[in-house]
Structure formats: C-alpha cells, structure tokens
Amino acid sequence: MVKTRVSGVPYEVELGEKNETLNDLIHDVDGLISELERENFMMRARMDRLEDELRLADEHIARLLIELNNERYKS
C-alpha cells in the first residue's frame, strides 16, 4: 500500500500500489469516496454537537451576567 495525501483530510490515505484493471481503479475510488463521505458525516455530527454545546454555554453565560447585574444594582 502507498500512502497519499488527499485534499481536505489531515492525514495520508492508503492506496493500492497498482491497479491492474479499470474495474480495480473504480472499486478503489469508490471505497475512498465512501470512506471520505463517512468521515464527512461524522465530522458534521461532531460539529453540530460542538455548536449545540457552545450555544448552551452562551445561554448560561448570558443568564449569569443578568444575575450579576441584578446583584450589582440591588445593593
């Protein structure tokens, strides 16, 4: 196997050394596409989770700032 850089992927992907036929090449490319689509799906899901966590943290910070201001002006 030969390791090769693929655009948008932060690591090298293993490719077969030689493709004997066009069908082998198509099969290899289909496999790479499937793997990259799966990784894209997982990265999108992770990004969505992180965005949700950030939104919740922002809401919590906003509530704490309101409480802090209320305490300040209460005295």
Protein backbone atom coordinates (compact mmCIF):
# COMPACT_ATOMS: atom_id res chain seq x y z
CA MET A 1 0.00 0.00 0.00
CA VAL A 2 1.11 3.54 -0.78
CA LYS A 3 0.16 6.44 1.48
CA THR A 4 -1.07 9.55 -0.35
CA ARG A 5 -2.33 12.97 0.76
CA VAL A 6 -6.00 13.66 -0.04
CA SER A 7 -7.39 17.18 -0.15
CA GLY A 8 -9.36 18.07 2.98
CA VAL A 9 -8.04 15.15 5.04
CA PRO A 10 -5.35 15.90 7.66
CA TYR A 11 -3.61 12.56 7.19
CA GLU A 12 -2.44 10.27 4.43
CA VAL A 13 -4.76 7.67 2.88
CA GLU A 14 -3.51 4.23 1.88
CA LEU A 15 -3.82 3.47 -1.83
CA GLY A 16 -3.01 0.23 -3.60
CA GLU A 17 0.35 0.21 -5.39
CA LYS A 18 -1.01 -0.78 -8.81
CA ASN A 19 -4.48 -1.12 -10.23
CA GLU A 20 -4.49 -3.97 -12.74
CA THR A 21 -7.76 -3.04 -14.41
CA LEU A 22 -10.12 -0.13 -14.73
CA ASN A 23 -12.59 -2.02 -12.52
CA ASP A 24 -9.99 -2.22 -9.74
CA LEU A 25 -9.42 1.52 -10.02
CA ILE A 26 -13.15 2.23 -9.92
CA HIS A 27 -13.54 -0.07 -6.91
CA ASP A 28 -10.64 1.65 -5.10
CA VAL A 29 -12.01 5.12 -5.85
CA ASP A 30 -15.50 4.10 -4.74
CA GLY A 31 -14.01 2.83 -1.50
CA LEU A 32 -12.14 6.08 -0.91
CA ILE A 33 -15.25 8.12 -1.69
CA SER A 34 -17.32 6.02 0.72
CA GLU A 35 -14.73 6.44 3.47
CA LEU A 36 -14.50 10.20 2.95
CA GLU A 37 -18.30 10.54 2.91
CA ARG A 38 -18.47 8.58 6.19
CA GLU A 39 -15.79 10.79 7.75
CA ASN A 40 -17.59 13.90 6.50
CA PHE A 41 -20.83 12.68 8.10
CA MET A 42 -19.06 12.02 11.41
CA MET A 43 -17.28 15.41 11.35
CA ARG A 44 -20.58 17.20 10.62
CA ALA A 45 -22.24 15.38 13.53
CA ARG A 46 -19.36 16.37 15.83
CA MET A 47 -19.53 19.98 14.62
CA ASP A 48 -23.28 20.04 15.31
CA ARG A 49 -22.71 18.71 18.84
CA LEU A 50 -19.99 21.31 19.49
CA GLU A 51 -22.22 24.11 18.17
CA ASP A 52 -25.03 22.96 20.50
CA GLU A 53 -22.63 22.92 23.45
CA LEU A 54 -21.42 26.42 22.56
CA ARG A 55 -24.99 27.71 22.28
CA LEU A 56 -25.84 26.27 25.72
CA ALA A 57 -22.67 27.79 27.21
CA ASP A 58 -23.54 31.20 25.69
CA GLU A 59 -27.06 31.00 27.15
CA HIS A 60 -25.66 30.07 30.57
CA ILE A 61 -23.17 32.97 30.44
CA ALA A 62 -25.97 35.37 29.48
CA ARG A 63 -28.07 34.22 32.47
CA LEU A 64 -25.10 34.60 34.82
CA LEU A 65 -24.40 38.12 33.52
CA ILE A 66 -28.03 39.08 34.11
CA GLU A 67 -27.86 37.72 37.66
CA LEU A 68 -24.60 39.56 38.27
CA ASN A 69 -26.07 42.84 37.04
CA ASN A 70 -29.18 42.33 39.15
CA GLU A 71 -26.99 41.76 42.24
CA ARG A 72 -24.93 44.84 41.47
CA TYR A 73 -27.90 47.16 41.20
CA LYS A 74 -29.80 45.55 44.07
CA SER A 75 -27.45 46.97 46.67
